Amino acid sequence: MSEIKKFISDVGVTFFSSLMAVLIAFPINVLLGRYLGASDLGLYKMVNTIFSTLILFITFGIPASVIKYLAEFSGDSKKQQEVVSSCVITSLVLGIISFLFTYLTSDLFASFFGMPQLSVLLKMLSFAYPFYILTSMLLSVLNGFREMTKNAWSTIVQSLSLFIITFLLLFTYGIEGAVLAIVISSICTSIFMMLTYRLPRISWVNYFQLTKKMISFGSITLFSNAVNLINYQADVLLIGYFLSSRELGVYSVSVMFAKIIWILPDSIQKITFPLISEFYAKKMDDPIKIVVDRCMKYSSIFLVLSSMFFVFFGKQIITLIFGAEFEQAYMPLNILLVGTVLFGITKSVGSIFASVGKLNLVYRIPLVSAIINVILNLILIPIYGINGAAIATTVSFLVSMVLMFYFMSSLLSINIDYGWYFRLLIQSIVIFCLYFGLSKSINNILLGSVLILMQIISSALVIPTNDKKKVFQLIGI
């Protein structure tokens, strides 16, 4: 299979698995919102936020290092075996440490956020860490080998097991059952991966030397991911601190819908990270520029179309699925969509600076954005509530996009086709103006459907003919 066909195939497989994961996980939030209400949904969101935050810090950025070094050592099976061994051994050590830390500090988290029930939930969740960290490491191994079909099936198993177990436990044990489902699904997924996929033999050869090297690289990406996490979670944490669990529950619905549109750029990024790392190691500059240009453009088309869907139909979808209690989520959703579209354009190649060794930019760009995000959240949440949080997050995402464009252009000599993005922007503004201008006189569903169809047709016209042919050939059309 040619490189372009391999790339398109990998993106397709990864996108499918991500879509399935979203479709499988989505009902969990619906069940919590409908059956338990906004307060318990907010509590569940806080538990997940603490869980993902600790996972990020405790793994020291090693998953990203695994992907990078497996790609760079392509063709050297001995070196790749050493990377996998280091990954598995280290994951077991870190899993035990994270279990002890979470179990012993659960009361402190509950006291800080003023949520007494949080203590019990975090103690339960602590048992998931050893298994979840091992699963995350193994997924990175599959990504590094570009075994995206195996990666996809593992992701689907993880999501499907979480949904089934949550459904079985939620109605009997409530929020405790939902958290227990995370623990059981983590155990099931790690066992599935160890039994299904034959990994290289684990050895201690060069373990300490290689682990030190991976932590050294990973510490840079760790800091970057940490400040990125602030961009993603600062609003959630500060709403939890300033406001109630109910308002956090309402806002979490806005965040959930706003971030759904990242499904394609996130899928692409899983491929571009090892791909660009390999191209850079082989000094193939032109293919890197082509990959970056195409990925950002096609991501932007998808993002704009997806955001239109939620702007046009979001209010009806929210009230239909979650009930009238969550209608307030529509306004912050619209605000967040602006930011997720802008940041999502560069998200598909978000690991480019790590791939090409510009490690200072890996953390400096998100750091600037995160500082702005926290400051604005501290100012705006007490004044405007959840809408203020959405504004702060959107502004920080805009800053990230601008900085990414600037440094890709100035340091990597990647030509950003600003004229293309400007035309897409004008086109989108016209569509939105038509919607808001005509929505009072024409049925919203009919009007929104027609305008989205217009956007699809106009977007298809700007895709190069050669790109269309390659996709059609791959799928047999």
Protein backbone atom coordinates (compact mmCIF):
# COMPACT_ATOMS: atom_id res chain seq x y z
CA MET A 1 0.00 0.00 0.00
CA SER A 2 1.35 3.45 -0.93
CA GLU A 3 2.02 6.02 1.78
CA ILE A 4 -0.96 8.20 0.78
CA LYS A 5 -3.31 5.19 0.77
CA LYS A 6 -1.92 4.05 4.11
CA PHE A 7 -2.45 7.53 5.53
CA ILE A 8 -6.04 7.81 4.29
CA SER A 9 -6.80 4.26 5.46
CA ASP A 10 -5.35 4.95 8.92
CA VAL A 11 -7.33 8.18 9.24
CA GLY A 12 -10.50 6.36 8.19
CA VAL A 13 -10.00 3.56 10.70
CA THR A 14 -9.11 5.96 13.51
CA PHE A 15 -12.03 8.24 12.70
CA PHE A 16 -14.41 5.27 12.72
CA SER A 17 -13.16 4.07 16.11
CA SER A 18 -13.36 7.60 17.53
CA LEU A 19 -16.87 8.00 16.17
CA MET A 20 -17.91 4.67 17.65
CA ALA A 21 -16.36 5.65 20.99
CA VAL A 22 -18.33 8.90 20.99
CA LEU A 23 -21.58 7.19 19.98
CA ILE A 24 -21.08 4.51 22.64
CA ALA A 25 -20.03 6.91 25.41
CA PHE A 26 -22.64 9.57 24.63
CA PRO A 27 -25.56 7.64 26.20
CA ILE A 28 -23.67 7.53 29.51
CA ASN A 29 -23.98 11.30 29.86
CA VAL A 30 -27.61 11.11 28.75
CA LEU A 31 -28.37 8.44 31.37
CA LEU A 32 -26.66 10.45 34.10
CA GLY A 33 -28.38 13.68 33.08
CA ARG A 34 -31.83 12.18 32.64
CA TYR A 35 -31.84 9.67 35.50
CA LEU A 36 -29.69 11.40 38.14
CA GLY A 37 -29.99 15.09 37.16
CA ALA A 38 -27.56 17.94 36.55
CA SER A 39 -25.95 17.81 40.02
CA ASP A 40 -24.80 14.19 39.76
CA LEU A 41 -23.75 14.73 36.15
CA GLY A 42 -21.58 17.61 37.38
CA LEU A 43 -20.14 15.38 40.11
CA TYR A 44 -19.34 12.68 37.53
CA LYS A 45 -17.68 15.30 35.34
CA MET A 46 -15.51 16.42 38.26
CA VAL A 47 -14.46 12.83 39.00
CA ASN A 48 -13.48 12.33 35.35
CA THR A 49 -11.59 15.61 35.28
CA ILE A 50 -9.51 14.70 38.33
CA PHE A 51 -8.96 11.21 36.91
CA SER A 52 -7.70 12.44 33.51
CA THR A 53 -5.57 15.15 35.10
CA LEU A 54 -3.72 12.71 37.34
CA ILE A 55 -3.30 10.23 34.47
CA LEU A 56 -1.59 12.98 32.49
CA PHE A 57 0.87 13.92 35.23
CA ILE A 58 1.64 10.45 36.54
CA THR A 59 2.61 9.07 33.09
CA PHE A 60 5.27 11.79 32.57
CA GLY A 61 4.46 12.10 28.88
CA ILE A 62 5.79 8.57 28.24
CA PRO A 63 2.91 7.60 25.86
CA ALA A 64 3.98 10.40 23.47
CA SER A 65 7.62 9.27 23.78
CA VAL A 66 6.63 5.71 22.91
CA ILE A 67 4.90 6.84 19.72
CA LYS A 68 7.84 9.04 18.69
CA TYR A 69 10.62 6.50 19.30
CA LEU A 70 8.76 3.53 17.81
CA ALA A 71 8.28 5.62 14.66
CA GLU A 72 11.89 6.80 14.60
CA PHE A 73 13.22 3.24 15.19
CA SER A 74 11.14 1.93 12.30
CA GLY A 75 13.02 -1.07 10.88
CA ASP A 76 15.07 -1.68 14.04
CA SER A 77 13.11 -4.41 15.85
CA LYS A 78 15.61 -4.66 18.71
CA LYS A 79 15.28 -0.99 19.61
CA GLN A 80 11.50 -1.16 19.28
CA GLN A 81 11.40 -4.14 21.64
CA GLU A 82 13.34 -2.11 24.21
CA VAL A 83 10.85 0.75 23.89
CA VAL A 84 7.88 -1.56 24.40
CA SER A 85 9.53 -3.23 27.40
CA SER A 86 10.26 0.11 29.04
CA CYS A 87 6.69 1.20 28.40
CA VAL A 88 5.06 -1.86 29.99
CA ILE A 89 7.34 -2.07 33.03
CA THR A 90 7.03 1.64 33.77
CA SER A 91 3.24 1.59 33.41
CA LEU A 92 2.94 -1.00 36.19
CA VAL A 93 5.08 1.10 38.56
CA LEU A 94 3.18 4.30 37.80
CA GLY A 95 -0.16 2.53 38.19
CA ILE A 96 0.62 1.53 41.77
CA ILE A 97 1.84 5.02 42.65
CA SER A 98 -1.26 6.70 41.24
CA PHE A 99 -3.54 4.25 43.10
CA LEU A 100 -1.93 5.11 46.44
CA PHE A 101 -1.92 8.86 45.77
CA THR A 102 -5.59 9.06 44.79
CA TYR A 103 -6.80 6.85 47.62
CA LEU A 104 -4.89 8.81 50.27
CA THR A 105 -5.76 12.32 49.00
CA SER A 106 -9.44 11.83 48.14
CA ASP A 107 -10.61 13.72 51.25
CA LEU A 108 -8.50 16.75 50.29
CA PHE A 109 -10.13 16.95 46.83
CA ALA A 110 -13.61 16.66 48.36
CA SER A 111 -12.85 19.45 50.83
CA PHE A 112 -11.33 21.78 48.23
CA PHE A 113 -14.28 21.58 45.82
CA GLY A 114 -16.90 21.47 48.57
CA MET A 115 -18.29 18.14 47.31
CA PRO A 116 -18.34 15.62 50.22
CA GLN A 117 -19.41 12.70 48.03
CA LEU A 118 -16.30 13.19 45.90
CA SER A 119 -14.14 11.44 48.52
CA VAL A 120 -15.91 8.09 48.27
CA LEU A 121 -16.02 8.24 44.47
CA LEU A 122 -12.28 8.95 44.17
CA LYS A 123 -11.42 6.09 46.53
CA MET A 124 -13.41 3.78 44.27
CA LEU A 125 -11.82 5.21 41.15
CA SER A 126 -8.26 4.77 42.47
CA PHE A 127 -8.43 1.03 41.69
CA ALA A 128 -8.76 1.84 37.97
CA TYR A 129 -5.39 3.59 37.64
CA PRO A 130 -3.02 0.59 37.25
CA PHE A 131 -5.19 -0.93 34.52
CA TYR A 132 -6.06 2.33 32.75
CA ILE A 133 -2.40 3.43 32.60
CA LEU A 134 -1.36 0.05 31.17
CA THR A 135 -4.10 0.32 28.55
CA SER A 136 -2.99 3.86 27.62
CA MET A 137 0.61 2.70 27.22
CA LEU A 138 -0.38 -0.26 25.04
CA LEU A 139 -2.52 1.99 22.84
CA SER A 140 0.55 4.19 22.36
CA VAL A 141 2.53 1.12 21.31
CA LEU A 142 -0.07 0.26 18.67
CA ASN A 143 -0.08 3.89 17.52
CA GLY A 144 3.72 3.94 17.28
CA PHE A 145 3.67 0.80 15.13
CA ARG A 146 0.84 2.41 13.13
CA GLU A 147 -1.34 -0.62 13.88
CA MET A 148 -4.40 1.60 13.71
CA THR A 149 -6.93 -1.20 13.18
CA LYS A 150 -5.84 -2.89 16.42
CA ASN A 151 -5.80 0.49 18.12
CA ALA A 152 -9.33 1.13 16.87
CA TRP A 153 -10.71 -2.17 18.13
CA SER A 154 -9.14 -1.61 21.54
CA THR A 155 -10.73 1.83 21.76
CA ILE A 156 -14.12 0.40 20.80
CA VAL A 157 -13.83 -2.39 23.39
CA GLN A 158 -12.92 0.19 26.05
CA SER A 159 -15.92 2.39 25.22
CA LEU A 160 -18.38 -0.47 24.75
CA SER A 161 -17.46 -2.16 28.03
CA LEU A 162 -17.78 1.17 29.86
CA PHE A 163 -21.26 1.74 28.42
CA ILE A 164 -22.55 -1.77 29.14
CA ILE A 165 -21.26 -1.87 32.70
CA THR A 166 -22.50 1.66 33.42
CA PHE A 167 -25.96 0.70 32.15
CA LEU A 168 -26.00 -2.41 34.36
CA LEU A 169 -24.89 -0.60 37.52
CA LEU A 170 -26.31 2.92 37.23
CA PHE A 171 -29.96 2.19 38.01
CA THR A 172 -29.05 0.17 41.11
CA TYR A 173 -26.09 2.08 42.55
CA GLY A 174 -26.50 5.57 41.04
CA ILE A 175 -23.40 7.73 40.67
CA GLU A 176 -21.32 5.14 42.58
CA GLY A 177 -22.27 2.56 39.95
CA ALA A 178 -21.16 4.89 37.14
CA VAL A 179 -17.74 5.35 38.76
CA LEU A 180 -17.41 1.62 39.50
CA ALA A 181 -18.07 1.01 35.79
CA ILE A 182 -14.91 2.99 34.95
CA VAL A 183 -12.89 0.66 37.19
CA ILE A 184 -14.34 -2.57 35.79
CA SER A 185 -14.10 -1.44 32.14
CA SER A 186 -10.44 -0.46 32.67
CA ILE A 187 -9.70 -3.96 33.97
CA CYS A 188 -11.59 -5.59 31.08
CA THR A 189 -9.82 -3.52 28.41
CA SER A 190 -6.31 -4.14 29.74
CA ILE A 191 -6.99 -7.90 29.91
CA PHE A 192 -8.42 -7.85 26.37
CA MET A 193 -5.33 -6.10 24.98
CA MET A 194 -2.86 -8.39 26.73
CA LEU A 195 -4.67 -11.53 25.55
CA THR A 196 -5.41 -10.38 22.01
CA TYR A 197 -2.28 -8.61 20.78
CA ARG A 198 1.08 -10.31 20.74
CA LEU A 199 3.61 -7.77 21.96
CA PRO A 200 7.39 -8.17 21.73
CA ARG A 201 9.01 -10.11 24.60
CA ILE A 202 9.51 -7.91 27.67
CA SER A 203 13.14 -7.49 28.75
CA TRP A 204 15.24 -5.30 31.03
CA VAL A 205 17.89 -4.55 28.39
CA ASN A 206 18.74 -0.82 28.46
CA TYR A 207 15.62 -0.28 30.59
CA PHE A 208 16.91 2.49 32.84
CA GLN A 209 18.81 4.29 30.07
CA LEU A 210 15.87 4.22 27.67
CA THR A 211 13.30 5.10 30.33
CA LYS A 212 15.38 8.10 31.33
CA LYS A 213 15.51 9.16 27.67
CA MET A 214 11.74 8.76 27.24
CA ILE A 215 11.00 10.66 30.44
CA SER A 216 13.34 13.43 29.29
CA PHE A 217 11.40 13.84 26.04
CA GLY A 218 8.10 13.09 27.73
CA SER A 219 8.63 15.77 30.38
CA ILE A 220 8.51 18.38 27.63
CA THR A 221 5.31 16.99 26.16
CA LEU A 222 4.01 16.51 29.71
CA PHE A 223 4.31 20.21 30.41
CA SER A 224 2.70 20.96 27.07
CA ASN A 225 -0.14 18.52 27.71
CA ALA A 226 -0.54 19.87 31.24
CA VAL A 227 -1.09 23.42 30.06
CA ASN A 228 -3.28 22.09 27.26
CA LEU A 229 -5.29 20.34 29.94
CA ILE A 230 -5.68 23.68 31.69
CA ASN A 231 -7.12 25.04 28.44
CA TYR A 232 -9.50 22.08 28.28
CA GLN A 233 -10.39 21.79 31.97
CA ALA A 234 -9.79 25.18 33.65
CA ASP A 235 -13.39 26.16 33.00
CA VAL A 236 -14.69 22.91 34.51
CA LEU A 237 -12.49 23.12 37.62
CA LEU A 238 -13.23 26.81 38.25
CA ILE A 239 -16.97 26.35 37.71
CA GLY A 240 -16.74 23.55 40.26
CA TYR A 241 -15.00 25.94 42.64
CA PHE A 242 -17.13 29.09 42.12
CA LEU A 243 -20.53 27.62 41.22
CA SER A 244 -22.63 24.56 42.06
CA SER A 245 -22.44 20.98 40.78
CA ARG A 246 -25.74 21.62 38.98
CA GLU A 247 -24.26 24.46 36.90
CA LEU A 248 -21.22 22.30 36.25
CA GLY A 249 -23.54 19.57 34.99
CA VAL A 250 -25.27 21.98 32.59
CA TYR A 251 -21.94 23.34 31.35
CA SER A 252 -20.55 19.82 30.85
CA VAL A 253 -23.28 19.22 28.25
CA SER A 254 -22.09 22.31 26.34
CA VAL A 255 -18.49 21.07 26.48
CA MET A 256 -19.48 17.59 25.38
CA PHE A 257 -21.24 18.80 22.23
CA ALA A 258 -18.60 21.44 21.44
CA LYS A 259 -15.75 18.92 21.60
CA ILE A 260 -17.53 16.29 19.52
CA ILE A 261 -16.47 18.22 16.42
CA TRP A 262 -12.81 17.50 17.27
CA ILE A 263 -13.37 13.86 16.39
CA LEU A 264 -11.79 14.20 12.91
CA PRO A 265 -8.77 16.40 13.78
CA ASP A 266 -8.07 14.21 16.82
CA SER A 267 -8.16 11.13 14.60
CA ILE A 268 -5.83 12.74 12.08
CA GLN A 269 -3.38 13.80 14.79
CA LYS A 270 -2.92 10.19 15.89
CA ILE A 271 -1.55 9.53 12.40
CA THR A 272 0.36 12.75 11.76
CA PHE A 273 2.45 12.51 14.94
CA PRO A 274 4.31 9.28 14.02
CA LEU A 275 4.15 10.10 10.29
CA ILE A 276 5.77 13.54 10.59
CA SER A 277 8.32 12.12 13.06
CA GLU A 278 9.31 9.54 10.46
CA PHE A 279 9.43 12.11 7.64
CA TYR A 280 11.55 14.45 9.76
CA ALA A 281 13.99 11.68 10.66
CA LYS A 282 14.40 11.00 6.92
CA LYS A 283 14.73 14.75 6.15
CA MET A 284 11.61 14.72 3.94
CA ASP A 285 10.54 18.37 4.30
CA ASP A 286 8.19 18.66 1.32
CA PRO A 287 5.92 15.77 2.37
CA ILE A 288 5.64 17.35 5.83
CA LYS A 289 4.41 20.61 4.30
CA ILE A 290 1.87 18.77 2.14
CA VAL A 291 0.54 16.77 5.10
CA VAL A 292 0.16 19.90 7.24
CA ASP A 293 -1.59 21.88 4.50
CA ARG A 294 -4.09 19.14 3.60
CA CYS A 295 -4.84 18.10 7.17
CA MET A 296 -5.61 21.63 8.35
CA LYS A 297 -7.75 22.49 5.34
CA TYR A 298 -9.88 19.37 5.43
CA SER A 299 -10.22 19.59 9.19
CA SER A 300 -11.50 23.15 8.88
CA ILE A 301 -14.18 22.10 6.36
CA PHE A 302 -15.39 19.35 8.70
CA LEU A 303 -15.29 21.67 11.72
CA VAL A 304 -17.34 24.39 10.05
CA LEU A 305 -19.99 21.94 8.86
CA SER A 306 -20.22 20.29 12.27
CA SER A 307 -20.49 23.61 14.11
CA MET A 308 -23.31 24.69 11.79
CA PHE A 309 -25.23 21.55 12.70
CA PHE A 310 -25.04 22.32 16.43
CA VAL A 311 -25.79 26.03 16.02
CA PHE A 312 -28.85 25.33 13.85
CA PHE A 313 -30.24 22.37 15.78
CA GLY A 314 -28.41 22.47 19.13
CA LYS A 315 -31.25 23.79 21.29
CA GLN A 316 -33.69 21.16 20.08
CA ILE A 317 -31.09 18.38 20.48
CA ILE A 318 -30.18 19.39 24.03
CA THR A 319 -33.76 19.65 25.30
CA LEU A 320 -34.83 16.48 23.48
CA ILE A 321 -31.99 14.37 24.86
CA PHE A 322 -31.34 15.87 28.29
CA GLY A 323 -34.58 17.67 29.11
CA ALA A 324 -35.59 21.27 29.81
CA GLU A 325 -33.25 21.46 32.83
CA PHE A 326 -30.30 21.61 30.42
CA GLU A 327 -31.67 24.25 27.99
CA GLN A 328 -29.22 26.78 29.45
CA ALA A 329 -26.39 24.77 27.84
CA TYR A 330 -27.23 26.14 24.37
CA MET A 331 -25.72 29.61 24.79
CA PRO A 332 -22.31 28.49 26.15
CA LEU A 333 -22.32 25.80 23.44
CA ASN A 334 -22.51 28.45 20.71
CA ILE A 335 -19.68 30.42 22.34
CA LEU A 336 -17.51 27.32 22.74
CA LEU A 337 -18.07 26.27 19.13
CA VAL A 338 -16.23 29.38 17.93
CA GLY A 339 -13.17 28.36 19.92
CA THR A 340 -13.30 24.65 19.12
CA VAL A 341 -13.52 25.38 15.39
CA LEU A 342 -10.54 27.78 15.45
CA PHE A 343 -8.34 25.60 17.62
CA GLY A 344 -9.48 22.46 15.80
CA ILE A 345 -7.93 23.70 12.54
CA THR A 346 -4.41 23.23 13.96
CA LYS A 347 -5.35 20.31 16.20
CA SER A 348 -4.87 17.77 13.41
CA VAL A 349 -1.15 18.66 13.34
CA GLY A 350 -0.90 19.74 16.96
CA SER A 351 2.11 17.49 17.61
CA ILE A 352 4.20 18.90 14.76
CA PHE A 353 6.68 20.76 16.99
CA ALA A 354 7.27 17.61 19.05
CA SER A 355 7.71 15.61 15.85
CA VAL A 356 10.42 17.94 14.48
CA GLY A 357 12.25 18.51 17.76
CA LYS A 358 11.11 22.09 18.49
CA LEU A 359 10.49 21.14 22.09
CA ASN A 360 10.46 24.69 23.45
CA LEU A 361 7.34 25.45 21.43
CA VAL A 362 5.65 22.25 22.58
CA TYR A 363 4.94 23.88 25.93
CA ARG A 364 5.34 27.62 25.31
CA ILE A 365 2.37 27.99 22.98
CA PRO A 366 -0.15 26.24 25.26
CA LEU A 367 1.40 27.99 28.29
CA VAL A 368 0.53 31.44 26.94
CA SER A 369 -2.96 30.26 26.07
CA ALA A 370 -3.44 28.59 29.48
CA ILE A 371 -2.43 31.70 31.42
CA ILE A 372 -4.95 33.76 29.47
CA ASN A 373 -7.57 31.06 29.99
CA VAL A 374 -7.16 30.92 33.79
CA ILE A 375 -7.10 34.72 34.20
CA LEU A 376 -10.23 35.19 32.09
CA ASN A 377 -12.04 32.35 33.87
CA LEU A 378 -11.25 33.87 37.26
CA ILE A 379 -12.62 37.22 36.07
CA LEU A 380 -15.63 36.12 34.00
CA ILE A 381 -17.13 33.14 35.87
CA PRO A 382 -18.12 35.14 38.98
CA ILE A 383 -19.73 37.76 36.69
CA TYR A 384 -21.26 35.79 33.80
CA GLY A 385 -21.35 32.25 35.17
CA ILE A 386 -21.02 29.42 32.66
CA ASN A 387 -21.20 31.85 29.70
CA GLY A 388 -18.13 33.60 31.11
CA ALA A 389 -16.30 30.26 31.24
CA ALA A 390 -17.16 29.63 27.59
CA ILE A 391 -15.87 33.08 26.56
CA ALA A 392 -12.59 32.55 28.44
CA THR A 393 -12.01 29.15 26.84
CA THR A 394 -12.82 30.43 23.34
CA VAL A 395 -10.37 33.34 23.64
CA SER A 396 -7.61 30.97 24.79
CA PHE A 397 -8.27 28.64 21.84
CA LEU A 398 -8.02 31.61 19.45
CA VAL A 399 -4.64 32.55 20.93
CA SER A 400 -3.38 28.98 20.46
CA MET A 401 -4.42 28.93 16.80
CA VAL A 402 -2.74 32.26 16.04
CA LEU A 403 0.52 31.18 17.71
CA MET A 404 0.50 27.82 15.92
CA PHE A 405 0.05 29.53 12.55
CA TYR A 406 2.80 32.03 13.29
CA PHE A 407 5.47 29.53 14.36
CA MET A 408 4.67 26.97 11.68
CA SER A 409 5.16 29.70 9.12
CA SER A 410 8.21 31.42 10.61
CA LEU A 411 10.19 28.43 11.90
CA LEU A 412 9.16 25.53 9.67
CA SER A 413 8.61 27.53 6.45
CA ILE A 414 5.13 26.10 6.06
CA ASN A 415 3.07 28.33 3.81
CA ILE A 416 -0.32 29.00 5.39
CA ASP A 417 -2.91 29.60 2.68
CA TYR A 418 -4.57 32.52 4.47
CA GLY A 419 -6.63 33.39 1.38
CA TRP A 420 -8.23 29.93 1.45
CA TYR A 421 -9.18 30.24 5.13
CA PHE A 422 -10.47 33.78 4.62
CA ARG A 423 -12.77 32.60 1.81
CA LEU A 424 -14.07 29.80 4.04
CA LEU A 425 -14.66 32.33 6.83
CA ILE A 426 -16.63 34.71 4.58
CA GLN A 427 -18.61 31.81 3.19
CA SER A 428 -19.49 30.63 6.70
CA ILE A 429 -20.45 34.10 7.88
CA VAL A 430 -22.85 34.44 4.95
CA ILE A 431 -24.47 31.09 5.83
CA PHE A 432 -24.88 32.05 9.50
CA CYS A 433 -26.31 35.47 8.56
CA LEU A 434 -28.84 33.82 6.28
CA TYR A 435 -29.86 31.48 9.08
CA PHE A 436 -30.35 34.12 11.75
CA GLY A 437 -31.99 36.47 9.26
CA LEU A 438 -34.51 33.94 7.97
CA SER A 439 -35.05 31.67 11.01
CA LYS A 440 -38.06 33.66 12.21
CA SER A 441 -39.93 33.31 8.94
CA ILE A 442 -38.86 29.83 7.76
CA ASN A 443 -38.98 26.50 9.59
CA ASN A 444 -35.67 26.13 11.43
CA ILE A 445 -35.11 22.49 10.53
CA LEU A 446 -35.81 23.08 6.84
CA LEU A 447 -33.72 26.25 6.72
CA GLY A 448 -30.79 24.71 8.60
CA SER A 449 -30.80 21.60 6.41
CA VAL A 450 -30.76 23.62 3.19
CA LEU A 451 -27.96 25.89 4.39
CA ILE A 452 -25.80 22.94 5.52
CA LEU A 453 -26.34 21.30 2.12
CA MET A 454 -25.22 24.54 0.46
CA GLN A 455 -22.09 24.57 2.62
CA ILE A 456 -21.32 20.93 1.76
CA ILE A 457 -21.60 21.61 -1.97
CA SER A 458 -19.48 24.76 -1.84
CA SER A 459 -16.85 23.02 0.32
CA ALA A 460 -16.64 20.06 -2.07
CA LEU A 461 -15.82 22.44 -4.90
CA VAL A 462 -12.60 23.65 -3.22
CA ILE A 463 -11.14 20.15 -2.74
CA PRO A 464 -8.44 19.49 -5.38
CA THR A 465 -9.43 16.96 -8.05
CA ASN A 466 -6.37 14.79 -7.40
CA ASP A 467 -7.29 14.45 -3.73
CA LYS A 468 -10.83 13.41 -4.62
CA LYS A 469 -9.52 10.76 -7.04
CA LYS A 470 -7.19 9.25 -4.42
CA VAL A 471 -10.01 8.95 -1.89
CA PHE A 472 -12.39 7.47 -4.47
CA GLN A 473 -9.76 4.96 -5.60
CA LEU A 474 -9.15 3.87 -2.02
CA ILE A 475 -12.85 3.20 -1.32
CA GLY A 476 -13.38 1.61 -4.73
CA ILE A 477 -15.54 4.27 -6.41
